[in-house]
Amino acid sequence: MERIPVLKIGDMLLVSIQVDLEDQSAVQLQEDLAERIVATGAHGVIIDITGLEIVDSFIGRMLASIASISRVLDAQTVVVGMRPAVAITLVELGLSLRGVRTALDVERGMQLLKRDRPARTTDLNGGGAAAGVPAGERPAFHSGPPAGGPP
């Protein structure tokens, strides 16, 4: 079984699939990507499927699964280079690829990820950004009795 290379470009990972995937290769790619996202702290994953002639239901589900796993690991996924015949096949199979974003090519995929990258800030008290809100703009929470209330 041949492994699909995963390249790091800045804070993104790029996977270029140049051969039709067998089921085992797709499962291995899913595992490899999850490990690389964690190891590199990547915030974006681009999967280039320009080389795929055929996408069956299993591969379609794997793409959706990779996008879901990436999201849980704090990375967005964009599938690029989809051929019209592949898009038609996916629709005919009833696979909407929920959560999978698409772009026409790698360059546009990278622009999409850069544009939609959430702001990541950290306050000096060790708390990270909450839902993309800068640290100084988050509501404060207190553990004592309400102000002006009985002790």
N, C-alpha and C. Protein backbone atom coordinates (compact mmCIF):
# COMPACT_ATOMS: atom_id res chain seq x y z
N MET A 1 0.84 -1.18 0.00
CA MET A 1 0.00 0.00 0.00
C MET A 1 0.89 1.24 0.00
N GLU A 2 0.60 2.15 -0.91
CA GLU A 2 1.36 3.38 -1.03
C GLU A 2 0.72 4.47 -0.18
N ARG A 3 1.54 5.18 0.62
CA ARG A 3 1.04 6.27 1.46
C ARG A 3 0.99 7.55 0.65
N ILE A 4 -0.04 8.34 0.91
CA ILE A 4 -0.18 9.64 0.26
C ILE A 4 0.61 10.66 1.07
N PRO A 5 1.54 11.40 0.43
CA PRO A 5 2.34 12.38 1.19
C PRO A 5 1.48 13.54 1.70
N VAL A 6 1.83 14.03 2.88
CA VAL A 6 1.17 15.18 3.50
C VAL A 6 2.24 16.24 3.69
N LEU A 7 2.10 17.36 2.98
CA LEU A 7 3.09 18.44 3.02
C LEU A 7 2.61 19.58 3.91
N LYS A 8 3.53 20.18 4.66
CA LYS A 8 3.20 21.33 5.50
C LYS A 8 3.61 22.60 4.78
N ILE A 9 2.67 23.53 4.65
CA ILE A 9 2.93 24.84 4.03
C ILE A 9 2.40 25.88 5.01
N GLY A 10 3.29 26.54 5.73
CA GLY A 10 2.86 27.50 6.75
C GLY A 10 2.08 26.76 7.83
N ASP A 11 0.86 27.25 8.11
CA ASP A 11 0.03 26.57 9.11
C ASP A 11 -1.04 25.71 8.44
N MET A 12 -0.74 25.26 7.22
CA MET A 12 -1.67 24.40 6.48
C MET A 12 -0.97 23.10 6.07
N LEU A 13 -1.78 22.08 5.85
CA LEU A 13 -1.29 20.81 5.31
C LEU A 13 -1.88 20.64 3.92
N LEU A 14 -1.08 20.15 2.99
CA LEU A 14 -1.52 19.92 1.62
C LEU A 14 -1.36 18.44 1.28
N VAL A 15 -2.45 17.86 0.80
CA VAL A 15 -2.46 16.48 0.34
C VAL A 15 -2.85 16.51 -1.12
N SER A 16 -1.98 15.99 -1.99
CA SER A 16 -2.30 15.94 -3.40
C SER A 16 -2.45 14.48 -3.81
N ILE A 17 -3.67 14.09 -4.08
CA ILE A 17 -3.96 12.70 -4.43
C ILE A 17 -3.86 12.57 -5.95
N GLN A 18 -2.85 11.84 -6.40
CA GLN A 18 -2.58 11.72 -7.83
C GLN A 18 -2.98 10.37 -8.41
N VAL A 19 -3.46 9.47 -7.56
CA VAL A 19 -3.87 8.14 -8.02
C VAL A 19 -5.23 7.83 -7.41
N ASP A 20 -5.97 6.96 -8.07
CA ASP A 20 -7.25 6.54 -7.50
C ASP A 20 -6.97 5.80 -6.20
N LEU A 21 -7.69 6.19 -5.16
CA LEU A 21 -7.46 5.62 -3.83
C LEU A 21 -8.16 4.28 -3.67
N GLU A 22 -7.44 3.34 -3.09
CA GLU A 22 -8.06 2.11 -2.64
C GLU A 22 -8.57 2.38 -1.24
N ASP A 23 -9.51 1.57 -0.77
CA ASP A 23 -10.12 1.81 0.54
C ASP A 23 -9.09 1.89 1.64
N GLN A 24 -8.12 0.99 1.67
CA GLN A 24 -7.11 0.97 2.73
C GLN A 24 -6.25 2.23 2.68
N SER A 25 -5.93 2.72 1.49
CA SER A 25 -5.14 3.95 1.37
C SER A 25 -5.91 5.15 1.91
N ALA A 26 -7.21 5.17 1.68
CA ALA A 26 -8.05 6.27 2.18
C ALA A 26 -8.10 6.26 3.70
N VAL A 27 -8.22 5.09 4.30
CA VAL A 27 -8.25 4.97 5.76
C VAL A 27 -6.89 5.40 6.32
N GLN A 28 -5.80 4.99 5.68
CA GLN A 28 -4.46 5.38 6.13
C GLN A 28 -4.28 6.89 6.03
N LEU A 29 -4.78 7.49 4.96
CA LEU A 29 -4.69 8.94 4.79
C LEU A 29 -5.43 9.65 5.92
N GLN A 30 -6.59 9.16 6.28
CA GLN A 30 -7.37 9.75 7.38
C GLN A 30 -6.54 9.74 8.67
N GLU A 31 -5.92 8.61 8.98
CA GLU A 31 -5.11 8.49 10.19
C GLU A 31 -3.87 9.38 10.13
N ASP A 32 -3.19 9.37 8.97
CA ASP A 32 -1.99 10.19 8.81
C ASP A 32 -2.30 11.68 8.97
N LEU A 33 -3.40 12.12 8.38
CA LEU A 33 -3.77 13.54 8.47
C LEU A 33 -4.07 13.94 9.91
N ALA A 34 -4.83 13.12 10.62
CA ALA A 34 -5.15 13.42 12.02
C ALA A 34 -3.87 13.57 12.83
N GLU A 35 -2.93 12.65 12.64
CA GLU A 35 -1.66 12.71 13.37
C GLU A 35 -0.87 13.97 13.01
N ARG A 36 -0.84 14.32 11.72
CA ARG A 36 -0.07 15.50 11.28
C ARG A 36 -0.71 16.80 11.77
N ILE A 37 -2.05 16.86 11.82
CA ILE A 37 -2.71 18.07 12.33
C ILE A 37 -2.29 18.30 13.77
N VAL A 38 -2.32 17.24 14.58
CA VAL A 38 -1.94 17.36 15.98
C VAL A 38 -0.46 17.70 16.11
N ALA A 39 0.39 17.02 15.35
CA ALA A 39 1.84 17.21 15.46
C ALA A 39 2.29 18.61 15.02
N THR A 40 1.62 19.17 14.02
CA THR A 40 2.06 20.46 13.47
C THR A 40 1.24 21.64 13.96
N GLY A 41 0.06 21.38 14.53
CA GLY A 41 -0.82 22.47 14.92
C GLY A 41 -1.44 23.17 13.72
N ALA A 42 -1.53 22.48 12.61
CA ALA A 42 -2.07 23.07 11.38
C ALA A 42 -3.51 23.53 11.60
N HIS A 43 -3.86 24.65 10.98
CA HIS A 43 -5.21 25.19 11.08
C HIS A 43 -6.00 25.01 9.79
N GLY A 44 -5.38 24.44 8.77
CA GLY A 44 -6.06 24.22 7.51
C GLY A 44 -5.53 22.98 6.82
N VAL A 45 -6.41 22.29 6.10
CA VAL A 45 -6.05 21.11 5.33
C VAL A 45 -6.61 21.28 3.93
N ILE A 46 -5.76 21.16 2.94
CA ILE A 46 -6.20 21.22 1.55
C ILE A 46 -5.99 19.83 0.95
N ILE A 47 -7.06 19.28 0.40
CA ILE A 47 -6.98 17.98 -0.26
C ILE A 47 -7.22 18.20 -1.75
N ASP A 48 -6.16 18.01 -2.53
CA ASP A 48 -6.24 18.21 -3.98
C ASP A 48 -6.58 16.87 -4.63
N ILE A 49 -7.79 16.80 -5.23
CA ILE A 49 -8.23 15.55 -5.87
C ILE A 49 -8.23 15.65 -7.38
N THR A 50 -7.41 16.55 -7.91
CA THR A 50 -7.32 16.72 -9.36
C THR A 50 -7.03 15.40 -10.06
N GLY A 51 -6.21 14.56 -9.45
CA GLY A 51 -5.81 13.30 -10.07
C GLY A 51 -6.83 12.19 -9.97
N LEU A 52 -7.92 12.40 -9.23
CA LEU A 52 -8.92 11.34 -9.09
C LEU A 52 -9.88 11.32 -10.28
N GLU A 53 -9.93 10.20 -10.95
CA GLU A 53 -10.87 10.02 -12.06
C GLU A 53 -12.24 9.62 -11.54
N ILE A 54 -12.23 8.84 -10.45
CA ILE A 54 -13.47 8.27 -9.92
C ILE A 54 -13.51 8.47 -8.41
N VAL A 55 -14.65 8.88 -7.89
CA VAL A 55 -14.88 8.94 -6.45
C VAL A 55 -16.13 8.12 -6.18
N ASP A 56 -15.96 7.02 -5.44
CA ASP A 56 -17.13 6.21 -5.10
C ASP A 56 -17.68 6.67 -3.76
N SER A 57 -18.74 6.01 -3.30
CA SER A 57 -19.39 6.44 -2.07
C SER A 57 -18.44 6.32 -0.87
N PHE A 58 -17.59 5.30 -0.84
CA PHE A 58 -16.66 5.15 0.27
C PHE A 58 -15.68 6.32 0.33
N ILE A 59 -15.10 6.68 -0.79
CA ILE A 59 -14.14 7.79 -0.84
C ILE A 59 -14.86 9.10 -0.50
N GLY A 60 -16.06 9.27 -0.98
CA GLY A 60 -16.84 10.46 -0.64
C GLY A 60 -17.07 10.57 0.86
N ARG A 61 -17.44 9.45 1.49
CA ARG A 61 -17.64 9.44 2.94
C ARG A 61 -16.32 9.69 3.67
N MET A 62 -15.22 9.19 3.14
CA MET A 62 -13.91 9.41 3.76
C MET A 62 -13.53 10.89 3.72
N LEU A 63 -13.82 11.57 2.61
CA LEU A 63 -13.54 13.00 2.53
C LEU A 63 -14.34 13.77 3.59
N ALA A 64 -15.61 13.40 3.73
CA ALA A 64 -16.45 14.04 4.75
C ALA A 64 -15.93 13.72 6.14
N SER A 65 -15.50 12.50 6.35
CA SER A 65 -14.97 12.08 7.64
C SER A 65 -13.67 12.83 7.97
N ILE A 66 -12.80 12.97 7.00
CA ILE A 66 -11.55 13.72 7.20
C ILE A 66 -11.87 15.16 7.60
N ALA A 67 -12.85 15.77 6.94
CA ALA A 67 -13.23 17.14 7.27
C ALA A 67 -13.77 17.23 8.70
N SER A 68 -14.56 16.24 9.12
CA SER A 68 -15.10 16.24 10.48
C SER A 68 -13.99 16.07 11.51
N ILE A 69 -13.09 15.15 11.26
CA ILE A 69 -11.97 14.92 12.19
C ILE A 69 -11.10 16.18 12.27
N SER A 70 -10.84 16.80 11.14
CA SER A 70 -10.04 18.02 11.11
C SER A 70 -10.70 19.12 11.94
N ARG A 71 -12.01 19.27 11.79
CA ARG A 71 -12.75 20.29 12.53
C ARG A 71 -12.61 20.07 14.04
N VAL A 72 -12.73 18.81 14.47
CA VAL A 72 -12.59 18.49 15.89
C VAL A 72 -11.19 18.83 16.37
N LEU A 73 -10.20 18.72 15.49
CA LEU A 73 -8.81 19.02 15.83
C LEU A 73 -8.44 20.48 15.53
N ASP A 74 -9.45 21.34 15.33
CA ASP A 74 -9.27 22.77 15.13
C ASP A 74 -8.63 23.13 13.79
N ALA A 75 -8.96 22.37 12.75
CA ALA A 75 -8.46 22.68 11.40
C ALA A 75 -9.63 22.61 10.42
N GLN A 76 -9.65 23.51 9.47
CA GLN A 76 -10.66 23.52 8.43
C GLN A 76 -10.14 22.76 7.22
N THR A 77 -11.04 22.11 6.48
CA THR A 77 -10.65 21.34 5.30
C THR A 77 -11.29 21.92 4.05
N VAL A 78 -10.49 22.00 2.99
CA VAL A 78 -10.99 22.42 1.69
C VAL A 78 -10.55 21.37 0.68
N VAL A 79 -11.49 20.87 -0.09
CA VAL A 79 -11.19 19.93 -1.18
C VAL A 79 -11.11 20.75 -2.46
N VAL A 80 -10.02 20.59 -3.19
CA VAL A 80 -9.80 21.37 -4.41
C VAL A 80 -9.60 20.44 -5.61
N GLY A 81 -9.82 21.00 -6.79
CA GLY A 81 -9.54 20.27 -8.02
C GLY A 81 -10.56 19.21 -8.40
N MET A 82 -11.78 19.36 -7.92
CA MET A 82 -12.80 18.36 -8.24
C MET A 82 -13.22 18.48 -9.71
N ARG A 83 -13.15 17.38 -10.42
CA ARG A 83 -13.57 17.35 -11.82
C ARG A 83 -15.10 17.37 -11.90
N PRO A 84 -15.65 17.92 -12.96
CA PRO A 84 -17.11 17.95 -13.10
C PRO A 84 -17.74 16.55 -12.99
N ALA A 85 -17.12 15.55 -13.59
CA ALA A 85 -17.67 14.20 -13.54
C ALA A 85 -17.71 13.68 -12.10
N VAL A 86 -16.71 14.02 -11.30
CA VAL A 86 -16.67 13.60 -9.90
C VAL A 86 -17.79 14.29 -9.13
N ALA A 87 -17.97 15.59 -9.37
CA ALA A 87 -19.04 16.34 -8.69
C ALA A 87 -20.41 15.74 -9.03
N ILE A 88 -20.61 15.42 -10.30
CA ILE A 88 -21.88 14.83 -10.73
C ILE A 88 -22.10 13.48 -10.06
N THR A 89 -21.05 12.67 -10.00
CA THR A 89 -21.15 11.35 -9.37
C THR A 89 -21.51 11.48 -7.90
N LEU A 90 -20.86 12.40 -7.19
CA LEU A 90 -21.16 12.59 -5.77
C LEU A 90 -22.62 12.98 -5.55
N VAL A 91 -23.12 13.87 -6.39
CA VAL A 91 -24.52 14.28 -6.28
C VAL A 91 -25.45 13.11 -6.59
N GLU A 92 -25.14 12.36 -7.63
CA GLU A 92 -25.97 11.20 -7.99
C GLU A 92 -25.97 10.14 -6.89
N LEU A 93 -24.85 10.02 -6.15
CA LEU A 93 -24.79 9.07 -5.05
C LEU A 93 -25.48 9.60 -3.79
N GLY A 94 -25.92 10.84 -3.84
CA GLY A 94 -26.59 11.44 -2.69
C GLY A 94 -25.64 11.89 -1.60
N LEU A 95 -24.37 12.08 -1.95
CA LEU A 95 -23.37 12.52 -0.96
C LEU A 95 -23.22 14.03 -1.03
N SER A 96 -23.70 14.71 -0.03
CA SER A 96 -23.60 16.17 -0.03
C SER A 96 -22.27 16.66 0.52
N LEU A 97 -21.48 15.76 1.11
CA LEU A 97 -20.19 16.11 1.71
C LEU A 97 -20.34 17.26 2.69
N ARG A 98 -21.26 17.09 3.63
CA ARG A 98 -21.49 18.11 4.66
C ARG A 98 -20.20 18.46 5.37
N GLY A 99 -19.98 19.74 5.55
CA GLY A 99 -18.80 20.21 6.25
C GLY A 99 -17.55 20.26 5.39
N VAL A 100 -17.65 19.82 4.14
CA VAL A 100 -16.49 19.86 3.24
C VAL A 100 -16.63 21.09 2.37
N ARG A 101 -15.65 21.97 2.48
CA ARG A 101 -15.64 23.16 1.64
C ARG A 101 -14.85 22.83 0.38
N THR A 102 -15.17 23.52 -0.70
CA THR A 102 -14.49 23.25 -1.97
C THR A 102 -13.98 24.54 -2.59
N ALA A 103 -12.96 24.39 -3.42
CA ALA A 103 -12.42 25.49 -4.22
C ALA A 103 -11.95 24.88 -5.54
N LEU A 104 -11.81 25.70 -6.55
CA LEU A 104 -11.43 25.19 -7.86
C LEU A 104 -10.00 24.68 -7.93
N ASP A 105 -9.07 25.35 -7.22
CA ASP A 105 -7.67 24.92 -7.28
C ASP A 105 -6.99 25.20 -5.94
N VAL A 106 -5.73 24.78 -5.82
CA VAL A 106 -4.99 24.90 -4.56
C VAL A 106 -4.86 26.36 -4.14
N GLU A 107 -4.53 27.23 -5.09
CA GLU A 107 -4.36 28.65 -4.77
C GLU A 107 -5.63 29.23 -4.15
N ARG A 108 -6.77 28.95 -4.75
CA ARG A 108 -8.04 29.47 -4.21
C ARG A 108 -8.38 28.81 -2.87
N GLY A 109 -8.02 27.55 -2.72
CA GLY A 109 -8.24 26.87 -1.45
C GLY A 109 -7.43 27.51 -0.34
N MET A 110 -6.18 27.86 -0.62
CA MET A 110 -5.34 28.52 0.37
C MET A 110 -5.89 29.90 0.72
N GLN A 111 -6.36 30.62 -0.28
CA GLN A 111 -6.95 31.94 -0.02
C GLN A 111 -8.19 31.81 0.86
N LEU A 112 -8.99 30.81 0.60
CA LEU A 112 -10.20 30.57 1.39
C LEU A 112 -9.84 30.30 2.85
N LEU A 113 -8.86 29.45 3.08
CA LEU A 113 -8.45 29.14 4.45
C LEU A 113 -7.85 30.36 5.15
N LYS A 114 -7.03 31.12 4.44
CA LYS A 114 -6.43 32.32 5.04
C LYS A 114 -7.50 33.35 5.39
N ARG A 115 -8.46 33.52 4.51
CA ARG A 115 -9.51 34.52 4.72
C ARG A 115 -10.39 34.15 5.90
N ASP A 116 -10.69 32.88 6.04
CA ASP A 116 -11.63 32.45 7.07
C ASP A 116 -10.96 31.98 8.35
N ARG A 117 -9.66 32.15 8.46
CA ARG A 117 -8.94 31.71 9.66
C ARG A 117 -9.43 32.53 10.84
N PRO A 118 -9.86 31.87 11.93
CA PRO A 118 -10.34 32.62 13.09
C PRO A 118 -9.19 33.34 13.78
N ALA A 119 -9.52 34.46 14.40
CA ALA A 119 -8.51 35.19 15.17
C ALA A 119 -8.14 34.34 16.38
N ARG A 120 -6.87 34.21 16.62
CA ARG A 120 -6.41 33.40 17.76
C ARG A 120 -5.61 34.33 18.68
N THR A 121 -6.21 34.65 19.81
CA THR A 121 -5.53 35.49 20.77
C THR A 121 -5.52 34.79 22.11
N THR A 122 -4.59 35.17 22.94
CA THR A 122 -4.50 34.60 24.27
C THR A 122 -4.31 35.73 25.25
N ASP A 123 -5.05 35.71 26.37
CA ASP A 123 -4.84 36.74 27.38
C ASP A 123 -3.69 36.33 28.30
N LEU A 124 -3.23 37.24 29.11
CA LEU A 124 -2.08 36.99 29.97
C LEU A 124 -2.40 36.09 31.16
N ASN A 125 -3.67 35.84 31.42
CA ASN A 125 -4.08 34.98 32.53
C ASN A 125 -4.16 33.53 32.12
N GLY A 126 -3.72 33.19 30.90
CA GLY A 126 -3.69 31.81 30.47
C GLY A 126 -4.93 31.35 29.74
N GLY A 127 -5.95 32.17 29.64
CA GLY A 127 -7.16 31.78 28.92
C GLY A 127 -7.02 32.08 27.46
N GLY A 128 -7.50 31.23 26.61
CA GLY A 128 -7.43 31.47 25.17
C GLY A 128 -8.62 32.27 24.71
N ALA A 129 -8.66 32.57 23.43
CA ALA A 129 -9.78 33.30 22.87
C ALA A 129 -11.03 32.44 22.94
N ALA A 130 -12.13 33.04 23.30
CA ALA A 130 -13.39 32.31 23.39
C ALA A 130 -14.22 32.63 22.17
N ALA A 131 -14.45 31.63 21.36
CA ALA A 131 -15.29 31.77 20.16
C ALA A 131 -14.84 32.94 19.30
N GLY A 132 -13.51 33.15 19.20
CA GLY A 132 -13.00 34.19 18.32
C GLY A 132 -13.10 35.59 18.89
N VAL A 133 -13.50 35.75 20.17
CA VAL A 133 -13.63 37.06 20.78
C VAL A 133 -12.30 37.40 21.43
N PRO A 134 -11.71 38.55 21.12
CA PRO A 134 -10.46 38.92 21.74
C PRO A 134 -10.57 38.94 23.26
N ALA A 135 -9.47 38.62 23.94
CA ALA A 135 -9.48 38.43 25.39
C ALA A 135 -10.09 39.61 26.14
N GLY A 136 -9.80 40.83 25.75
CA GLY A 136 -10.30 42.00 26.46
C GLY A 136 -11.79 42.23 26.29
N GLU A 137 -12.44 41.54 25.36
CA GLU A 137 -13.85 41.77 25.09
C GLU A 137 -14.75 40.67 25.60
N ARG A 138 -14.18 39.67 26.30
CA ARG A 138 -14.99 38.58 26.82
C ARG A 138 -15.66 38.99 28.11
N PRO A 139 -16.84 38.47 28.40
CA PRO A 139 -17.48 38.80 29.68
C PRO A 139 -16.70 38.18 30.82
N ALA A 140 -16.69 38.87 31.95
CA ALA A 140 -16.00 38.36 33.13
C ALA A 140 -16.98 37.50 33.95
N PHE A 141 -16.49 36.46 34.56
CA PHE A 141 -17.29 35.60 35.41
C PHE A 141 -16.69 35.64 36.81
N HIS A 142 -17.54 35.81 37.83
CA HIS A 142 -17.09 35.88 39.21
C HIS A 142 -17.70 34.74 39.99
N SER A 143 -16.96 34.25 40.99
CA SER A 143 -17.46 33.12 41.76
C SER A 143 -18.09 33.53 43.08
N GLY A 144 -18.03 34.79 43.43
CA GLY A 144 -18.60 35.26 44.72
C GLY A 144 -20.08 35.55 44.61
N PRO A 145 -20.68 36.05 45.70
CA PRO A 145 -22.11 36.40 45.68
C PRO A 145 -22.36 37.55 44.73
N PRO A 146 -23.58 37.70 44.20
CA PRO A 146 -23.87 38.79 43.28
C PRO A 146 -23.66 40.13 43.94
N ALA A 147 -23.20 41.09 43.14
CA ALA A 147 -22.96 42.43 43.65
C ALA A 147 -24.24 43.01 44.21
N GLY A 148 -24.16 43.61 45.41
CA GLY A 148 -25.33 44.27 46.01
C GLY A 148 -26.28 43.28 46.67
N GLY A 149 -26.00 41.99 46.61
CA GLY A 149 -26.89 41.00 47.20
C GLY A 149 -26.40 40.61 48.58
N PRO A 150 -27.16 39.79 49.30
CA PRO A 150 -26.73 39.35 50.63
C PRO A 150 -25.49 38.47 50.54
N PRO A 151 -24.63 38.49 51.55
CA PRO A 151 -23.39 37.71 51.54
C PRO A 151 -23.62 36.22 51.62
